[in-house]
Protein backbone atom coordinates (compact mmCIF):
# COMPACT_ATOMS: atom_id res chain seq x y z
CA MET A 1 32.18 95.11 39.75
CA VAL A 2 32.92 92.82 36.87
CA GLN A 3 34.38 94.75 34.13
CA GLU A 4 34.60 92.13 31.53
CA VAL A 5 33.37 88.77 30.36
CA ARG A 6 33.40 86.56 27.61
CA LEU A 7 30.66 85.59 25.22
CA SER A 8 30.64 82.46 22.89
CA ILE A 9 31.21 84.15 19.52
CA GLY A 10 27.57 82.82 18.49
CA THR A 11 26.43 85.16 21.63
CA ALA A 12 28.55 88.13 20.70
CA MET A 13 26.95 87.83 17.36
CA THR A 14 23.47 87.55 18.44
CA LEU A 15 24.08 90.36 20.77
CA GLY A 16 25.76 92.47 17.64
CA LEU A 17 29.12 92.96 19.74
CA GLU A 18 30.77 90.91 17.07
CA LYS A 19 30.25 90.75 12.77
CA GLY A 20 28.33 87.87 11.64
CA GLU A 21 25.20 85.57 11.57
CA PRO A 22 24.62 83.13 14.35
CA GLY A 23 22.24 81.36 12.72
CA GLU A 24 18.09 81.30 13.57
CA TYR A 25 18.66 78.27 15.72
CA PHE A 26 20.51 80.41 18.57
CA THR A 27 18.45 80.89 21.49
CA THR A 28 21.13 80.73 24.55
CA GLY A 29 23.25 83.19 25.36
CA PHE A 30 26.78 81.90 26.75
CA ILE A 31 28.86 84.08 29.28
CA MET A 32 32.14 82.94 30.54
CA THR A 33 33.79 84.60 33.93
CA HIS A 34 36.89 86.46 33.07
CA HIS A 35 40.02 85.90 34.32
CA GLU A 36 43.73 86.71 33.39
CA GLY A 37 45.46 83.58 32.15
CA LYS A 38 43.91 80.10 32.04
CA CYS A 39 41.66 78.35 34.55
CA GLU A 40 43.36 76.70 37.81
CA ALA A 41 41.92 73.22 36.56
CA ASN A 42 43.54 71.13 34.28
CA CYS A 43 41.29 68.63 32.26
CA ALA A 44 42.98 67.40 29.55
CA PHE A 45 40.43 67.89 26.97
CA CYS A 46 39.86 71.72 27.81
CA PRO A 47 41.53 74.50 25.74
CA GLN A 48 41.09 76.69 29.27
CA ALA A 49 43.46 74.20 31.10
CA ARG A 50 46.47 75.19 33.04
CA GLY A 51 48.78 73.16 30.90
CA SER A 52 47.20 73.68 27.90
CA ARG A 53 48.64 75.32 24.81
CA SER A 54 45.75 76.46 23.11
CA SER A 55 44.46 80.27 23.20
CA SER A 56 42.56 81.12 26.31
CA ASP A 57 39.81 82.57 24.11
CA ARG A 58 38.70 78.99 23.20
CA LEU A 59 36.62 76.98 25.17
CA SER A 60 35.80 73.26 23.21
CA ARG A 61 36.22 74.49 19.60
CA ILE A 62 34.42 77.85 20.30
CA ALA A 63 35.96 81.15 19.98
CA TRP A 64 35.13 83.11 23.21
CA PRO A 65 36.18 86.94 22.50
CA THR A 66 36.20 89.52 25.41
CA HIS A 67 33.65 91.96 25.93
CA SER A 68 33.08 94.99 28.12
CA PHE A 69 30.30 93.86 30.87
CA THR A 70 28.73 97.39 30.57
CA ASN A 71 28.20 96.90 27.03
CA VAL A 72 27.01 93.34 27.06
CA LEU A 73 24.06 94.27 29.71
CA ALA A 74 23.09 96.64 27.42
CA LYS A 75 22.83 94.64 24.46
CA LEU A 76 21.04 91.62 26.62
CA ARG A 77 18.34 94.09 27.56
CA GLU A 78 17.40 94.58 23.81
CA THR A 79 17.78 90.91 22.92
CA GLN A 80 15.33 88.09 23.69
CA LEU A 81 16.60 85.03 24.42
CA GLY A 82 15.43 81.88 25.95
CA ARG A 83 18.05 81.15 28.66
CA ILE A 84 21.48 82.63 29.80
CA CYS A 85 24.13 80.04 30.93
CA ILE A 86 27.09 81.28 32.48
CA GLN A 87 30.57 79.11 32.60
CA CYS A 88 32.74 79.64 35.42
CA LEU A 89 36.82 79.18 35.00
CA ASN A 90 38.14 77.79 38.30
CA TYR A 91 39.88 80.82 40.05
CA ASP A 92 39.82 82.35 43.80
CA ASN A 93 37.01 84.94 43.40
CA VAL A 94 34.85 83.19 40.78
CA VAL A 95 31.71 83.05 42.95
CA ASP A 96 31.73 86.57 43.59
CA ASP A 97 32.21 87.58 40.11
CA THR A 98 29.42 84.74 38.92
CA VAL A 99 26.88 86.01 41.64
CA ALA A 100 27.38 89.87 40.40
CA ILE A 101 26.90 88.84 36.73
CA ILE A 102 23.42 87.27 37.72
CA GLN A 103 22.66 90.24 40.09
CA ALA A 104 22.98 92.68 37.12
CA ILE A 105 21.18 90.56 34.69
CA ARG A 106 18.60 89.92 37.46
CA GLU A 107 17.83 93.82 37.39
CA PHE A 108 16.01 93.79 34.30
CA THR A 109 15.11 90.18 33.06
CA LYS A 110 13.43 87.10 34.33
CA THR A 111 15.07 85.10 31.54
CA GLN A 112 15.99 81.57 32.96
CA ILE A 113 19.86 81.77 34.05
CA SER A 114 21.68 78.19 34.30
CA VAL A 115 25.26 78.61 35.96
CA CYS A 116 28.09 75.71 35.19
CA ILE A 117 30.72 75.84 37.92
CA HIS A 118 33.25 73.51 39.47
CA PRO A 119 32.67 71.76 43.06
CA VAL A 120 32.04 74.99 45.39
CA SER A 121 30.69 74.91 48.98
CA LYS A 122 27.04 74.69 50.07
CA THR A 123 27.44 78.19 51.31
CA ASP A 124 28.68 79.34 47.84
CA MET A 125 25.99 77.46 45.92
CA GLN A 126 23.25 79.00 48.34
CA LYS A 127 24.69 82.67 47.42
CA ILE A 128 24.42 81.71 43.52
CA HIS A 129 20.68 80.33 44.01
CA ASP A 130 19.59 83.62 45.89
CA ALA A 131 21.50 86.01 43.17
CA GLY A 132 18.85 84.22 40.80
CA ALA A 133 20.26 81.12 39.03
CA ASN A 134 17.65 78.79 38.24
CA ASN A 135 19.83 75.86 37.22
CA ILE A 136 23.34 74.49 38.32
CA GLY A 137 25.35 72.20 36.14
CA VAL A 138 28.82 70.39 38.04
CA ALA A 139 30.38 68.82 35.09
CA ILE A 140 31.93 65.20 35.72
CA ASP A 141 32.28 64.83 32.00
CA ALA A 142 34.38 61.57 32.37
CA CYS A 143 32.09 58.90 33.38
CA THR A 144 33.89 56.15 35.86
CA ASP A 145 36.13 57.39 38.43
CA TYR A 146 39.33 55.76 36.95
CA LEU A 147 38.70 57.82 33.54
CA PHE A 148 38.32 61.05 35.72
CA GLU A 149 41.44 60.69 37.64
CA SER A 150 43.43 60.21 34.67
CA ILE A 151 41.47 63.33 32.71
CA LYS A 152 40.42 65.62 35.30
CA GLY A 153 41.94 64.62 38.62
CA SER A 154 44.97 63.55 40.12
CA GLU A 155 47.28 62.16 37.08
CA VAL A 156 46.62 65.77 35.44
CA GLY A 157 47.82 67.37 38.44
CA SER A 158 44.48 68.68 39.27
CA ASP A 159 42.61 69.10 42.83
CA TYR A 160 39.33 67.57 41.37
CA ARG A 161 38.00 64.24 42.78
CA TYR A 162 35.12 62.29 41.08
CA GLU A 163 33.57 61.52 44.68
CA THR A 164 33.81 65.49 45.57
CA HIS A 165 31.98 66.10 42.07
CA LEU A 166 29.52 63.76 43.35
CA ARG A 167 29.05 65.10 46.61
CA THR A 168 28.53 68.72 45.25
CA LEU A 169 25.76 67.50 42.70
CA GLU A 170 23.74 66.03 46.09
CA LEU A 171 24.38 69.14 47.67
CA ALA A 172 23.05 70.90 44.34
CA THR A 173 19.90 69.08 44.57
CA ASP A 174 19.29 70.06 47.77
CA ILE A 175 19.53 73.90 47.29
CA PHE A 176 18.37 73.85 43.59
CA GLY A 177 15.89 71.03 43.29
CA LYS A 178 15.86 67.99 41.61
CA GLN A 179 15.68 68.69 37.79
CA HIS A 180 17.27 71.81 38.11
CA VAL A 181 20.68 70.39 38.52
CA THR A 182 22.52 69.03 35.29
CA THR A 183 25.87 67.13 35.21
CA HIS A 184 27.83 66.74 31.53
CA LEU A 185 29.11 63.41 30.19
CA ILE A 186 31.26 63.80 27.15
CA VAL A 187 31.36 60.80 25.20
CA GLY A 188 34.63 59.50 23.57
CA LEU A 189 37.31 59.88 26.42
CA GLY A 190 37.89 56.22 26.70
CA GLU A 191 34.72 54.77 28.36
CA SER A 192 32.75 52.03 27.50
CA GLU A 193 29.19 52.16 26.11
CA ARG A 194 27.91 50.02 28.95
CA GLU A 195 29.93 52.61 31.09
CA ALA A 196 28.50 55.87 29.87
CA ALA A 197 25.02 54.23 29.98
CA GLU A 198 25.45 53.44 33.63
CA PHE A 199 26.43 56.81 34.63
CA ILE A 200 23.70 58.25 32.73
CA LEU A 201 20.96 55.71 34.74
CA ASP A 202 22.96 56.61 38.03
CA MET A 203 22.64 60.42 37.46
CA TYR A 204 18.97 60.30 36.76
CA SER A 205 18.22 58.32 39.82
CA ARG A 206 19.80 61.11 41.78
CA GLY A 207 17.50 63.55 40.47
CA VAL A 208 20.62 64.99 37.92
CA SER A 209 19.75 65.71 34.53
CA VAL A 210 22.87 64.60 32.03
CA GLY A 211 24.36 66.86 29.16
CA LEU A 212 25.50 64.75 26.31
CA PHE A 213 28.82 66.03 24.63
CA ALA A 214 30.99 64.15 21.90
CA PHE A 215 34.59 64.59 22.70
CA THR A 216 36.26 67.46 20.16
CA PRO A 217 39.96 67.04 19.94
CA VAL A 218 41.32 70.65 20.17
CA GLN A 219 45.03 71.98 19.32
CA GLY A 220 46.78 72.56 22.05
CA THR A 221 45.34 70.03 24.46
CA GLU A 222 46.45 67.02 26.17
CA LEU A 223 44.19 64.90 24.05
CA GLU A 224 44.53 66.58 20.76
CA GLU A 225 45.38 63.59 18.69
CA ASN A 226 42.28 61.69 20.24
CA GLU A 227 39.17 61.01 17.99
CA PRO A 228 35.93 62.29 18.38
CA PRO A 229 33.57 59.13 19.07
CA ASP A 230 31.94 56.44 17.08
CA LEU A 231 28.50 57.99 15.90
CA HIS A 232 27.00 54.64 16.19
CA VAL A 233 27.57 54.64 19.94
CA TYR A 234 26.76 58.21 20.14
CA ARG A 235 23.42 57.45 18.62
CA ARG A 236 22.62 54.59 21.09
CA ILE A 237 23.63 56.80 24.09
CA GLN A 238 21.42 59.86 23.18
CA VAL A 239 18.64 57.00 22.80
CA LEU A 240 19.11 56.02 26.39
CA ARG A 241 19.48 59.44 27.95
CA TYR A 242 16.20 60.59 26.30
CA LEU A 243 14.08 57.52 27.04
CA ILE A 244 15.55 57.70 30.90
CA ALA A 245 14.99 61.23 31.08
CA HIS A 246 11.48 61.26 29.77
CA ARG A 247 10.69 58.66 32.26
CA ILE A 248 9.66 56.21 29.29
CA ILE A 249 11.77 53.09 30.37
CA SER A 250 13.22 52.48 33.54
CA ARG A 251 16.78 50.99 34.44
CA ASP A 252 14.87 47.53 34.31
CA GLU A 253 14.42 47.56 30.60
CA VAL A 254 17.70 48.72 29.63
CA PHE A 255 20.12 45.34 28.94
CA TYR A 256 23.40 45.10 26.93
CA GLU A 257 24.32 42.58 23.89
CA GLY A 258 28.00 42.42 22.75
CA GLY A 259 28.59 45.52 24.83
CA GLU A 260 25.76 47.67 22.90
CA ILE A 261 22.74 49.43 24.68
CA ARG A 262 19.80 47.48 23.86
CA ILE A 263 15.94 48.42 25.37
CA ASN A 264 13.59 45.97 26.09
CA MET A 265 11.07 47.16 24.08
CA ASP A 266 9.13 46.66 20.77
CA ALA A 267 10.94 47.59 17.80
CA GLU A 268 7.58 49.56 16.49
CA GLU A 269 7.01 51.33 20.02
CA LEU A 270 10.43 52.26 20.08
CA MET A 271 10.14 53.82 16.81
CA ASN A 272 7.29 55.78 17.88
CA HIS A 273 9.39 57.12 20.42
CA LEU A 274 12.20 58.53 18.50
CA ARG A 275 10.07 59.54 15.34
CA ASN A 276 9.96 63.44 16.96
CA GLY A 277 13.76 63.53 16.74
CA LEU A 278 14.60 64.91 20.43
CA ALA A 279 16.45 61.92 21.19
CA PHE A 280 18.96 63.50 19.03
CA ARG A 281 19.09 66.99 19.68
CA VAL A 282 21.03 69.10 21.99
CA SER A 283 20.72 67.94 25.53
CA GLY A 284 21.23 69.62 29.26
CA CYS A 285 19.16 72.47 30.88
CA PRO A 286 15.82 72.99 29.02
CA GLY A 287 15.99 75.36 26.06
CA CYS A 288 19.71 75.19 25.44
CA ASN A 289 21.00 74.39 21.74
CA ARG A 290 24.92 75.68 21.95
CA PRO A 291 24.84 74.88 17.95
CA TYR A 292 28.03 73.61 16.58
CA TYR A 293 29.90 72.93 19.94
CA ASN A 294 31.04 69.73 18.93
CA GLU A 295 30.25 69.98 15.47
CA ARG A 296 31.85 71.99 12.20
CA PRO A 297 29.48 73.19 9.63
CA GLY A 298 29.07 70.65 6.87
CA GLY A 299 30.60 67.85 9.31
CA ILE A 300 28.70 64.80 11.77
CA MET A 301 26.11 66.40 13.54
CA TYR A 302 26.40 64.75 16.95
CA ASN A 303 23.68 67.17 18.76
CA PHE A 304 21.07 68.59 16.35
CA PRO A 305 20.53 72.11 17.28
CA ARG A 306 17.01 72.38 15.57
CA GLN A 307 14.47 69.93 14.75
CA LEU A 308 15.76 67.34 12.09
CA ASN A 309 14.65 67.00 8.34
CA GLU A 310 12.97 63.54 7.52
CA ASP A 311 16.60 62.50 5.72
CA GLU A 312 18.48 63.27 9.17
CA LEU A 313 15.92 61.66 11.25
CA THR A 314 16.03 58.40 9.01
CA GLU A 315 19.94 58.17 9.18
CA ALA A 316 20.20 59.00 12.76
CA ILE A 317 17.25 56.16 13.90
CA GLU A 318 19.35 53.90 11.56
CA ASP A 319 22.48 54.63 12.93
CA THR A 320 21.34 53.34 16.00
CA GLY A 321 21.30 50.07 14.88
CA MET A 322 18.17 49.46 17.70
CA VAL A 323 15.57 49.68 15.13
CA THR A 324 15.67 46.65 12.37
């Protein structure tokens, strides 16, 4: 039986297990499997990495306090959430723990459940599906094989391999179905704008959705001195992901000019597609909004967890440099 889990600080506030106001836009509950010590993987950007000097209660810039799973379940029964997302560390019995968490939640709610996990066997993935998970994510994060090896793979002493992650995503689409499988792309790990775009195009051609993240330097990680991505580049990548995800354009309508993403579309038509602001919102599983996962309040807002106001929308579109 799972005794303890970690909750993102916003989730803990939403459930009334920590003091504070999470904000009105917090609609996804984030649970992390609990393990004494760090993750067995060693991703260079992650506070949970085996070699990280960061606190073990961190993921990205967010605090994840530990709580009794019994108390969490009691609070979940009383709280309306649009989705529950389970973040899995890499350790021996994590699949058993994940299945137990899903089954316990499924006893009282039909709320959508997503699981974000490292590559596991087809049998283990089937267990997660049969327990009641609706979506699964396997985060590639680094969009080329050479970046992956230097940030998540052999060069940081990890067993992760780019091709293994790709094969796992293919297995996931067989079990969960296309459009129910997600991967993550962290922009700002050293990729070119074109490489990020080609990764997104490739993932959607495989039936895999992409959740975009802006690289966030965290003290104590190997990449703590690196800078977040250029906002103009990020905005163009967001536009591409949105247009491809919603089948507004095809690969044939994407080209590059001076290394920057361009769309073969009339400027007025492109503007009409961007006016709703959805391109600049949090992306990933349906309904996920993860407020301030990459951002500090008052700082640059890479992924908006809510509808943009008119000034924010105007600025975001201008930042793309795609509509003149």
